[in-house]
Amino acid sequence: GQAFARGEAALMVNWFGFAAVCDVYAACPVRGRVDIAPIPHGAGGQSASLNVYWLYTIGAGSRHKAVAYDFIRFATSAANDKLLTLEGGIGCRLSTWHDAEINALVPYYHKLEMLHQQAQSLPQNAHWARIAASIEEVVRLAITTATPVAALLKTGQQQLNSLDYV
């Protein structure tokens, strides 16, 4: 994301926030020249977007549940969601995504709703880090070598299949 924001990469597949940050900060070299689009897919496939959020929670053993709840309501209010976005965070409310001021600053912010319509969650797997590392290695090799992608995918799939927990 940082290389993209510095203008060193023409495109990226990354979190929405890495694109949005380019338009929030006045000093960003690519400000005003960024947009988002669905991730391309093959024939018969469909685009996907990753859906991951941090959550506010109150522990079952909390001695201050009412105060914690009041804070969560305050922090997640429409006004604070918008403020979070104006400060470079990623708002999570439809009202923020479609807010005129937000979309004047980040012209593609309204597209977050479209991304969420095709969003998927990461698999729930205790060994996800190892699986993700294998996938990342295939992507790295696709970018840095002349090995045919079909061969890389076959090898990568064989590695994943050899894991006891996939």
C-alpha atoms as a PDB file:
ATOM      1  CA  GLY A   1       0.000   0.000   0.000  1.00  0.00           C
ATOM      2  CA  GLN A   2       2.792   2.444   0.799  1.00  0.00           C
ATOM      3  CA  ALA A   3       4.524   1.938  -2.565  1.00  0.00           C
ATOM      4  CA  PHE A   4       1.207   2.648  -4.292  1.00  0.00           C
ATOM      5  CA  ALA A   5       0.666   5.806  -2.220  1.00  0.00           C
ATOM      6  CA  ARG A   6       4.163   6.995  -3.173  1.00  0.00           C
ATOM      7  CA  GLY A   7       3.330   6.525  -6.863  1.00  0.00           C
ATOM      8  CA  GLU A   8       5.702   3.578  -7.282  1.00  0.00           C
ATOM      9  CA  ALA A   9       3.016   1.081  -8.357  1.00  0.00           C
ATOM     10  CA  ALA A  10       0.353   1.463 -11.034  1.00  0.00           C
ATOM     11  CA  LEU A  11      -2.256  -0.669  -9.287  1.00  0.00           C
ATOM     12  CA  MET A  12      -2.749  -2.842  -6.260  1.00  0.00           C
ATOM     13  CA  VAL A  13      -5.151  -5.386  -4.846  1.00  0.00           C
ATOM     14  CA  ASN A  14      -5.419  -4.367  -1.234  1.00  0.00           C
ATOM     15  CA  TRP A  15      -7.693  -3.059   1.500  1.00  0.00           C
ATOM     16  CA  PHE A  16      -9.968  -0.172   0.510  1.00  0.00           C
ATOM     17  CA  GLY A  17      -8.265   1.953   3.160  1.00  0.00           C
ATOM     18  CA  PHE A  18      -4.959   1.957   1.284  1.00  0.00           C
ATOM     19  CA  ALA A  19      -6.710   3.634  -1.647  1.00  0.00           C
ATOM     20  CA  ALA A  20      -8.719   6.036   0.508  1.00  0.00           C
ATOM     21  CA  VAL A  21      -5.671   7.211   2.452  1.00  0.00           C
ATOM     22  CA  CYS A  22      -4.220   8.470  -0.839  1.00  0.00           C
ATOM     23  CA  ASP A  23      -6.996  11.057  -1.089  1.00  0.00           C
ATOM     24  CA  VAL A  24      -7.300  11.996   2.582  1.00  0.00           C
ATOM     25  CA  TYR A  25      -3.757  13.301   3.007  1.00  0.00           C
ATOM     26  CA  ALA A  26      -2.941  16.457   1.022  1.00  0.00           C
ATOM     27  CA  ALA A  27       0.748  15.562   0.622  1.00  0.00           C
ATOM     28  CA  CYS A  28       0.096  12.189  -1.049  1.00  0.00           C
ATOM     29  CA  PRO A  29       1.720  12.189  -4.527  1.00  0.00           C
ATOM     30  CA  VAL A  30      -1.183  10.270  -6.117  1.00  0.00           C
ATOM     31  CA  ARG A  31      -3.971  12.300  -4.526  1.00  0.00           C
ATOM     32  CA  GLY A  32      -6.837  12.790  -6.959  1.00  0.00           C
ATOM     33  CA  ARG A  33      -5.606  10.045  -9.294  1.00  0.00           C
ATOM     34  CA  VAL A  34      -6.929   6.961  -7.472  1.00  0.00           C
ATOM     35  CA  ASP A  35     -10.063   4.904  -7.995  1.00  0.00           C
ATOM     36  CA  ILE A  36     -11.246   1.435  -7.060  1.00  0.00           C
ATOM     37  CA  ALA A  37     -12.757  -1.347  -9.150  1.00  0.00           C
ATOM     38  CA  PRO A  38     -13.845  -4.936  -8.609  1.00  0.00           C
ATOM     39  CA  ILE A  39     -11.025  -7.486  -8.698  1.00  0.00           C
ATOM     40  CA  PRO A  40     -10.923  -9.089 -12.179  1.00  0.00           C
ATOM     41  CA  HIS A  41     -12.037 -12.703 -12.542  1.00  0.00           C
ATOM     42  CA  GLY A  42     -12.023 -15.423 -15.142  1.00  0.00           C
ATOM     43  CA  ALA A  43     -14.894 -16.642 -17.275  1.00  0.00           C
ATOM     44  CA  GLY A  44     -17.664 -18.024 -15.106  1.00  0.00           C
ATOM     45  CA  GLY A  45     -16.087 -16.595 -11.963  1.00  0.00           C
ATOM     46  CA  GLN A  46     -17.086 -13.666  -9.846  1.00  0.00           C
ATOM     47  CA  SER A  47     -15.203 -10.836  -8.242  1.00  0.00           C
ATOM     48  CA  ALA A  48     -14.525 -10.954  -4.533  1.00  0.00           C
ATOM     49  CA  SER A  49     -13.676  -8.522  -1.802  1.00  0.00           C
ATOM     50  CA  LEU A  50     -12.351  -9.346   1.628  1.00  0.00           C
ATOM     51  CA  ASN A  51     -14.631  -8.464   4.523  1.00  0.00           C
ATOM     52  CA  VAL A  52     -12.713  -8.015   7.771  1.00  0.00           C
ATOM     53  CA  TYR A  53     -13.430  -5.582  10.598  1.00  0.00           C
ATOM     54  CA  TRP A  54     -12.216  -4.753  14.051  1.00  0.00           C
ATOM     55  CA  LEU A  55     -15.005  -5.043  16.587  1.00  0.00           C
ATOM     56  CA  TYR A  56     -15.893  -3.271  19.783  1.00  0.00           C
ATOM     57  CA  THR A  57     -16.875  -5.793  22.463  1.00  0.00           C
ATOM     58  CA  ILE A  58     -17.622  -5.846  26.151  1.00  0.00           C
ATOM     59  CA  GLY A  59     -16.104  -8.671  28.141  1.00  0.00           C
ATOM     60  CA  ALA A  60     -18.557 -10.863  30.038  1.00  0.00           C
ATOM     61  CA  GLY A  61     -16.646 -10.155  33.253  1.00  0.00           C
ATOM     62  CA  SER A  62     -16.547  -6.387  32.819  1.00  0.00           C
ATOM     63  CA  ARG A  63     -17.416  -4.408  35.945  1.00  0.00           C
ATOM     64  CA  HIS A  64     -18.249  -1.368  33.807  1.00  0.00           C
ATOM     65  CA  LYS A  65     -20.629  -2.723  31.184  1.00  0.00           C
ATOM     66  CA  ALA A  66     -22.842   0.359  31.100  1.00  0.00           C
ATOM     67  CA  VAL A  67     -19.902   2.734  30.637  1.00  0.00           C
ATOM     68  CA  ALA A  68     -18.396   0.455  27.995  1.00  0.00           C
ATOM     69  CA  TYR A  69     -21.710   0.306  26.154  1.00  0.00           C
ATOM     70  CA  ASP A  70     -22.062   4.091  26.288  1.00  0.00           C
ATOM     71  CA  PHE A  71     -18.551   4.454  24.855  1.00  0.00           C
ATOM     72  CA  ILE A  72     -19.277   2.015  22.025  1.00  0.00           C
ATOM     73  CA  ARG A  73     -22.472   3.889  21.153  1.00  0.00           C
ATOM     74  CA  PHE A  74     -20.508   7.159  21.165  1.00  0.00           C
ATOM     75  CA  ALA A  75     -17.584   5.800  19.129  1.00  0.00           C
ATOM     76  CA  THR A  76     -19.798   4.192  16.497  1.00  0.00           C
ATOM     77  CA  SER A  77     -22.254   7.066  16.096  1.00  0.00           C
ATOM     78  CA  ALA A  78     -22.824   8.496  12.625  1.00  0.00           C
ATOM     79  CA  ALA A  79     -20.927  11.674  13.535  1.00  0.00           C
ATOM     80  CA  ASN A  80     -17.896   9.798  14.852  1.00  0.00           C
ATOM     81  CA  ASP A  81     -17.879   7.328  11.959  1.00  0.00           C
ATOM     82  CA  LYS A  82     -17.692  10.309   9.604  1.00  0.00           C
ATOM     83  CA  LEU A  83     -14.990  11.964  11.731  1.00  0.00           C
ATOM     84  CA  LEU A  84     -12.980   8.735  11.730  1.00  0.00           C
ATOM     85  CA  THR A  85     -13.140   8.741   7.934  1.00  0.00           C
ATOM     86  CA  LEU A  86     -12.151  12.401   7.630  1.00  0.00           C
ATOM     87  CA  GLU A  87      -9.104  11.631   9.783  1.00  0.00           C
ATOM     88  CA  GLY A  88      -7.996   8.766   7.513  1.00  0.00           C
ATOM     89  CA  GLY A  89      -9.789   5.785   9.045  1.00  0.00           C
ATOM     90  CA  ILE A  90     -12.432   3.713   7.307  1.00  0.00           C
ATOM     91  CA  GLY A  91     -15.996   4.426   8.324  1.00  0.00           C
ATOM     92  CA  CYS A  92     -18.360   1.484   8.474  1.00  0.00           C
ATOM     93  CA  ARG A  93     -21.769   3.130   8.153  1.00  0.00           C
ATOM     94  CA  LEU A  94     -23.817   3.440   4.980  1.00  0.00           C
ATOM     95  CA  SER A  95     -24.385   7.075   5.914  1.00  0.00           C
ATOM     96  CA  THR A  96     -20.611   7.633   5.808  1.00  0.00           C
ATOM     97  CA  TRP A  97     -20.165   5.746   2.547  1.00  0.00           C
ATOM     98  CA  HIS A  98     -22.753   7.966   0.840  1.00  0.00           C
ATOM     99  CA  ASP A  99     -21.914  11.237   2.622  1.00  0.00           C
ATOM    100  CA  ALA A 100     -21.411  14.118   0.148  1.00  0.00           C
ATOM    101  CA  GLU A 101     -18.457  15.609   2.054  1.00  0.00           C
ATOM    102  CA  ILE A 102     -16.707  12.236   2.276  1.00  0.00           C
ATOM    103  CA  ASN A 103     -17.259  11.526  -1.424  1.00  0.00           C
ATOM    104  CA  ALA A 104     -15.978  14.995  -2.346  1.00  0.00           C
ATOM    105  CA  LEU A 105     -12.736  14.116  -0.533  1.00  0.00           C
ATOM    106  CA  VAL A 106     -12.594  10.452  -1.613  1.00  0.00           C
ATOM    107  CA  PRO A 107     -14.686  10.290  -4.825  1.00  0.00           C
ATOM    108  CA  TYR A 108     -15.030   6.494  -4.797  1.00  0.00           C
ATOM    109  CA  TYR A 109     -16.071   6.116  -1.153  1.00  0.00           C
ATOM    110  CA  HIS A 110     -19.641   5.262  -2.149  1.00  0.00           C
ATOM    111  CA  LYS A 111     -18.268   2.142  -3.893  1.00  0.00           C
ATOM    112  CA  LEU A 112     -17.709   0.502  -0.503  1.00  0.00           C
ATOM    113  CA  GLU A 113     -21.311  -0.680  -0.632  1.00  0.00           C
ATOM    114  CA  MET A 114     -20.646  -2.464  -3.955  1.00  0.00           C
ATOM    115  CA  LEU A 115     -17.518  -4.075  -2.502  1.00  0.00           C
ATOM    116  CA  HIS A 116     -19.494  -5.388   0.450  1.00  0.00           C
ATOM    117  CA  GLN A 117     -22.073  -6.962  -1.844  1.00  0.00           C
ATOM    118  CA  GLN A 118     -19.336  -9.296  -3.102  1.00  0.00           C
ATOM    119  CA  ALA A 119     -17.402  -9.592   0.150  1.00  0.00           C
ATOM    120  CA  GLN A 120     -16.239 -12.857   1.629  1.00  0.00           C
ATOM    121  CA  SER A 121     -14.675 -13.575   4.993  1.00  0.00           C
ATOM    122  CA  LEU A 122     -11.338 -15.271   5.559  1.00  0.00           C
ATOM    123  CA  PRO A 123     -11.598 -18.979   6.314  1.00  0.00           C
ATOM    124  CA  GLN A 124     -11.709 -19.802  10.010  1.00  0.00           C
ATOM    125  CA  ASN A 125      -8.676 -22.051  10.337  1.00  0.00           C
ATOM    126  CA  ALA A 126      -6.123 -22.201  13.137  1.00  0.00           C
ATOM    127  CA  HIS A 127      -3.421 -22.808  10.513  1.00  0.00           C
ATOM    128  CA  TRP A 128      -4.397 -19.915   8.260  1.00  0.00           C
ATOM    129  CA  ALA A 129      -0.984 -18.219   8.585  1.00  0.00           C
ATOM    130  CA  ARG A 130       0.757 -21.250   7.030  1.00  0.00           C
ATOM    131  CA  ILE A 131      -1.855 -21.525   4.294  1.00  0.00           C
ATOM    132  CA  ALA A 132      -1.610 -17.799   3.514  1.00  0.00           C
ATOM    133  CA  ALA A 133       2.194 -18.034   3.375  1.00  0.00           C
ATOM    134  CA  SER A 134       1.907 -20.737   0.697  1.00  0.00           C
ATOM    135  CA  ILE A 135      -0.489 -18.590  -1.317  1.00  0.00           C
ATOM    136  CA  GLU A 136       1.761 -15.541  -0.959  1.00  0.00           C
ATOM    137  CA  GLU A 137       4.723 -17.563  -2.232  1.00  0.00           C
ATOM    138  CA  VAL A 138       2.821 -18.512  -5.389  1.00  0.00           C
ATOM    139  CA  VAL A 139       1.920 -14.852  -5.978  1.00  0.00           C
ATOM    140  CA  ARG A 140       5.527 -13.756  -5.361  1.00  0.00           C
ATOM    141  CA  LEU A 141       6.833 -16.309  -7.856  1.00  0.00           C
ATOM    142  CA  ALA A 142       4.222 -15.255 -10.421  1.00  0.00           C
ATOM    143  CA  ILE A 143       5.489 -11.686 -10.171  1.00  0.00           C
ATOM    144  CA  THR A 144       9.227 -12.345  -9.992  1.00  0.00           C
ATOM    145  CA  THR A 145       9.795 -15.343 -12.291  1.00  0.00           C
ATOM    146  CA  ALA A 146       8.967 -16.420 -15.835  1.00  0.00           C
ATOM    147  CA  THR A 147       7.461 -19.703 -14.614  1.00  0.00           C
ATOM    148  CA  PRO A 148       4.039 -20.249 -16.230  1.00  0.00           C
ATOM    149  CA  VAL A 149       1.220 -19.383 -13.847  1.00  0.00           C
ATOM    150  CA  ALA A 150      -0.452 -22.761 -14.431  1.00  0.00           C
ATOM    151  CA  ALA A 151       2.696 -24.523 -13.185  1.00  0.00           C
ATOM    152  CA  LEU A 152       2.944 -22.255 -10.145  1.00  0.00           C
ATOM    153  CA  LEU A 153      -0.696 -22.869  -9.273  1.00  0.00           C
ATOM    154  CA  LYS A 154      -0.282 -26.627  -9.641  1.00  0.00           C
ATOM    155  CA  THR A 155       2.769 -26.646  -7.352  1.00  0.00           C
ATOM    156  CA  GLY A 156       1.070 -24.361  -4.853  1.00  0.00           C
ATOM    157  CA  GLN A 157      -2.036 -26.537  -4.771  1.00  0.00           C
ATOM    158  CA  GLN A 158       0.099 -29.643  -4.238  1.00  0.00           C
ATOM    159  CA  GLN A 159       1.813 -27.939  -1.290  1.00  0.00           C
ATOM    160  CA  LEU A 160      -1.540 -27.017   0.226  1.00  0.00           C
ATOM    161  CA  ASN A 161      -2.896 -30.524  -0.345  1.00  0.00           C
ATOM    162  CA  SER A 162       0.124 -31.985   1.470  1.00  0.00           C
ATOM    163  CA  LEU A 163      -0.731 -30.107   4.652  1.00  0.00           C
ATOM    164  CA  ASP A 164      -2.583 -32.244   7.170  1.00  0.00           C
ATOM    165  CA  TYR A 165      -4.928 -29.443   8.142  1.00  0.00           C
ATOM    166  CA  VAL A 166      -6.297 -28.216   4.817  1.00  0.00           C
END
